[in-house]
Amino acid sequence: MEDRVIRLEERVNYHEKEISEIKGTTKMLGEKLESINSTLRAVKNWIIGAVFLAVAQQLGILNLLKALF
């Protein structure tokens, strides 16, 4: 009986270690995903700005702004 208890305790310790490692990996992956998300938001803003600038240039709004200011 005691042998079974010892094996169960060893198994529990092993699983606790594995869970701890998985939690660490999950935290790291979350940080990496947030970094990727931030980069994608910056790229999106650059693209929106470039499109706005191209449309403004096509419509002549930039020339109007240059004339006013």
N, C-alpha and C. Protein backbone atom coordinates (compact mmCIF):
# COMPACT_ATOMS: atom_id res chain seq x y z
N MET A 1 0.82 -1.20 0.00
CA MET A 1 0.00 0.00 0.00
C MET A 1 0.86 1.25 0.00
N GLU A 2 1.90 1.26 0.83
CA GLU A 2 2.74 2.44 0.92
C GLU A 2 3.48 2.70 -0.39
N ASP A 3 3.83 1.66 -1.10
CA ASP A 3 4.50 1.80 -2.39
C ASP A 3 3.59 2.55 -3.38
N ARG A 4 2.33 2.25 -3.34
CA ARG A 4 1.37 2.92 -4.22
C ARG A 4 1.27 4.40 -3.88
N VAL A 5 1.30 4.71 -2.60
CA VAL A 5 1.22 6.10 -2.16
C VAL A 5 2.46 6.87 -2.62
N ILE A 6 3.61 6.25 -2.49
CA ILE A 6 4.86 6.89 -2.92
C ILE A 6 4.83 7.16 -4.42
N ARG A 7 4.38 6.19 -5.20
CA ARG A 7 4.30 6.38 -6.65
C ARG A 7 3.32 7.50 -7.00
N LEU A 8 2.20 7.56 -6.29
CA LEU A 8 1.23 8.63 -6.54
C LEU A 8 1.83 9.99 -6.20
N GLU A 9 2.57 10.08 -5.11
CA GLU A 9 3.21 11.34 -4.73
C GLU A 9 4.23 11.76 -5.78
N GLU A 10 4.99 10.82 -6.29
CA GLU A 10 5.96 11.12 -7.34
C GLU A 10 5.26 11.61 -8.60
N ARG A 11 4.16 10.97 -8.92
CA ARG A 11 3.41 11.37 -10.11
C ARG A 11 2.82 12.78 -9.93
N VAL A 12 2.32 13.07 -8.74
CA VAL A 12 1.78 14.40 -8.45
C VAL A 12 2.88 15.44 -8.56
N ASN A 13 4.05 15.16 -8.03
CA ASN A 13 5.17 16.10 -8.12
C ASN A 13 5.56 16.33 -9.57
N TYR A 14 5.59 15.27 -10.36
CA TYR A 14 5.92 15.40 -11.77
C TYR A 14 4.90 16.28 -12.49
N HIS A 15 3.62 16.05 -12.21
CA HIS A 15 2.58 16.83 -12.86
C HIS A 15 2.61 18.29 -12.42
N GLU A 16 2.93 18.53 -11.16
CA GLU A 16 3.05 19.92 -10.69
C GLU A 16 4.16 20.64 -11.43
N LYS A 17 5.29 19.96 -11.65
CA LYS A 17 6.40 20.54 -12.39
C LYS A 17 5.99 20.83 -13.84
N GLU A 18 5.31 19.88 -14.46
CA GLU A 18 4.86 20.06 -15.84
C GLU A 18 3.88 21.23 -15.96
N ILE A 19 2.96 21.33 -15.04
CA ILE A 19 1.97 22.42 -15.05
C ILE A 19 2.68 23.76 -14.88
N SER A 20 3.68 23.81 -14.01
CA SER A 20 4.43 25.04 -13.80
C SER A 20 5.14 25.46 -15.09
N GLU A 21 5.74 24.51 -15.80
CA GLU A 21 6.41 24.82 -17.06
C GLU A 21 5.40 25.29 -18.11
N ILE A 22 4.25 24.67 -18.15
CA ILE A 22 3.22 25.06 -19.13
C ILE A 22 2.73 26.47 -18.84
N LYS A 23 2.56 26.81 -17.57
CA LYS A 23 2.14 28.17 -17.21
C LYS A 23 3.18 29.20 -17.64
N GLY A 24 4.46 28.87 -17.46
CA GLY A 24 5.52 29.77 -17.90
C GLY A 24 5.50 29.97 -19.41
N THR A 25 5.32 28.88 -20.13
CA THR A 25 5.25 28.96 -21.59
C THR A 25 4.05 29.77 -22.03
N THR A 26 2.92 29.58 -21.37
CA THR A 26 1.71 30.32 -21.71
C THR A 26 1.91 31.82 -21.51
N LYS A 27 2.56 32.19 -20.41
CA LYS A 27 2.82 33.61 -20.14
C LYS A 27 3.73 34.19 -21.23
N MET A 28 4.79 33.45 -21.59
CA MET A 28 5.71 33.93 -22.60
C MET A 28 5.01 34.08 -23.95
N LEU A 29 4.18 33.12 -24.31
CA LEU A 29 3.45 33.19 -25.57
C LEU A 29 2.49 34.38 -25.58
N GLY A 30 1.85 34.65 -24.46
CA GLY A 30 0.97 35.81 -24.36
C GLY A 30 1.72 37.11 -24.58
N GLU A 31 2.92 37.21 -24.01
CA GLU A 31 3.73 38.42 -24.20
C GLU A 31 4.15 38.56 -25.66
N LYS A 32 4.54 37.46 -26.28
CA LYS A 32 4.94 37.51 -27.69
C LYS A 32 3.76 37.90 -28.58
N LEU A 33 2.58 37.35 -28.29
CA LEU A 33 1.40 37.70 -29.08
C LEU A 33 1.05 39.17 -28.94
N GLU A 34 1.20 39.71 -27.74
CA GLU A 34 0.92 41.13 -27.53
C GLU A 34 1.90 41.99 -28.32
N SER A 35 3.15 41.56 -28.37
CA SER A 35 4.15 42.28 -29.16
C SER A 35 3.81 42.25 -30.65
N ILE A 36 3.41 41.10 -31.13
CA ILE A 36 3.00 40.97 -32.53
C ILE A 36 1.79 41.84 -32.81
N ASN A 37 0.83 41.82 -31.90
CA ASN A 37 -0.38 42.63 -32.05
C ASN A 37 -0.04 44.12 -32.12
N SER A 38 0.87 44.55 -31.29
CA SER A 38 1.29 45.95 -31.28
C SER A 38 1.94 46.33 -32.61
N THR A 39 2.78 45.45 -33.12
CA THR A 39 3.43 45.71 -34.41
C THR A 39 2.41 45.77 -35.53
N LEU A 40 1.45 44.87 -35.51
CA LEU A 40 0.41 44.87 -36.55
C LEU A 40 -0.43 46.14 -36.49
N ARG A 41 -0.72 46.63 -35.28
CA ARG A 41 -1.46 47.89 -35.16
C ARG A 41 -0.67 49.04 -35.75
N ALA A 42 0.64 49.06 -35.52
CA ALA A 42 1.48 50.13 -36.08
C ALA A 42 1.49 50.05 -37.61
N VAL A 43 1.60 48.86 -38.15
CA VAL A 43 1.58 48.69 -39.61
C VAL A 43 0.24 49.15 -40.17
N LYS A 44 -0.84 48.80 -39.49
CA LYS A 44 -2.17 49.23 -39.94
C LYS A 44 -2.26 50.75 -39.97
N ASN A 45 -1.76 51.41 -38.94
CA ASN A 45 -1.82 52.87 -38.90
C ASN A 45 -0.98 53.50 -40.01
N TRP A 46 0.18 52.93 -40.30
CA TRP A 46 1.00 53.42 -41.41
C TRP A 46 0.25 53.28 -42.74
N ILE A 47 -0.39 52.15 -42.93
CA ILE A 47 -1.13 51.92 -44.19
C ILE A 47 -2.29 52.89 -44.31
N ILE A 48 -3.03 53.09 -43.23
CA ILE A 48 -4.15 54.04 -43.26
C ILE A 48 -3.63 55.44 -43.59
N GLY A 49 -2.52 55.83 -42.99
CA GLY A 49 -1.94 57.14 -43.27
C GLY A 49 -1.51 57.27 -44.72
N ALA A 50 -0.90 56.22 -45.26
CA ALA A 50 -0.45 56.26 -46.66
C ALA A 50 -1.64 56.35 -47.61
N VAL A 51 -2.70 55.60 -47.31
CA VAL A 51 -3.90 55.64 -48.16
C VAL A 51 -4.53 57.02 -48.08
N PHE A 52 -4.63 57.56 -46.89
CA PHE A 52 -5.20 58.91 -46.73
C PHE A 52 -4.38 59.93 -47.51
N LEU A 53 -3.06 59.83 -47.41
CA LEU A 53 -2.19 60.76 -48.13
C LEU A 53 -2.37 60.62 -49.64
N ALA A 54 -2.47 59.37 -50.13
CA ALA A 54 -2.65 59.15 -51.57
C ALA A 54 -3.99 59.71 -52.05
N VAL A 55 -5.04 59.49 -51.27
CA VAL A 55 -6.37 60.00 -51.64
C VAL A 55 -6.37 61.53 -51.61
N ALA A 56 -5.75 62.09 -50.59
CA ALA A 56 -5.70 63.55 -50.48
C ALA A 56 -4.92 64.14 -51.64
N GLN A 57 -3.87 63.47 -52.03
CA GLN A 57 -3.08 63.95 -53.16
C GLN A 57 -3.89 63.87 -54.46
N GLN A 58 -4.62 62.80 -54.64
CA GLN A 58 -5.43 62.64 -55.85
C GLN A 58 -6.54 63.67 -55.91
N LEU A 59 -7.10 64.01 -54.79
CA LEU A 59 -8.20 64.97 -54.76
C LEU A 59 -7.72 66.42 -54.72
N GLY A 60 -6.42 66.60 -54.60
CA GLY A 60 -5.88 67.96 -54.58
C GLY A 60 -6.00 68.64 -53.23
N ILE A 61 -6.32 67.90 -52.20
CA ILE A 61 -6.48 68.49 -50.88
C ILE A 61 -5.14 68.99 -50.35
N LEU A 62 -4.08 68.30 -50.68
CA LEU A 62 -2.76 68.73 -50.21
C LEU A 62 -2.40 70.10 -50.79
N ASN A 63 -2.71 70.31 -52.07
CA ASN A 63 -2.43 71.61 -52.67
C ASN A 63 -3.26 72.70 -52.01
N LEU A 64 -4.49 72.37 -51.67
CA LEU A 64 -5.35 73.33 -50.99
C LEU A 64 -4.78 73.67 -49.61
N LEU A 65 -4.35 72.65 -48.88
CA LEU A 65 -3.77 72.90 -47.55
C LEU A 65 -2.48 73.70 -47.65
N LYS A 66 -1.66 73.43 -48.66
CA LYS A 66 -0.42 74.18 -48.85
C LYS A 66 -0.74 75.65 -49.14
N ALA A 67 -1.78 75.88 -49.92
CA ALA A 67 -2.17 77.25 -50.25
C ALA A 67 -2.70 77.99 -49.03
N LEU A 68 -3.42 77.28 -48.18
CA LEU A 68 -4.00 77.93 -46.99
C LEU A 68 -2.95 78.18 -45.92
N PHE A 69 -1.99 77.32 -45.79
CA PHE A 69 -1.02 77.46 -44.70
C PHE A 69 0.32 77.76 -45.30
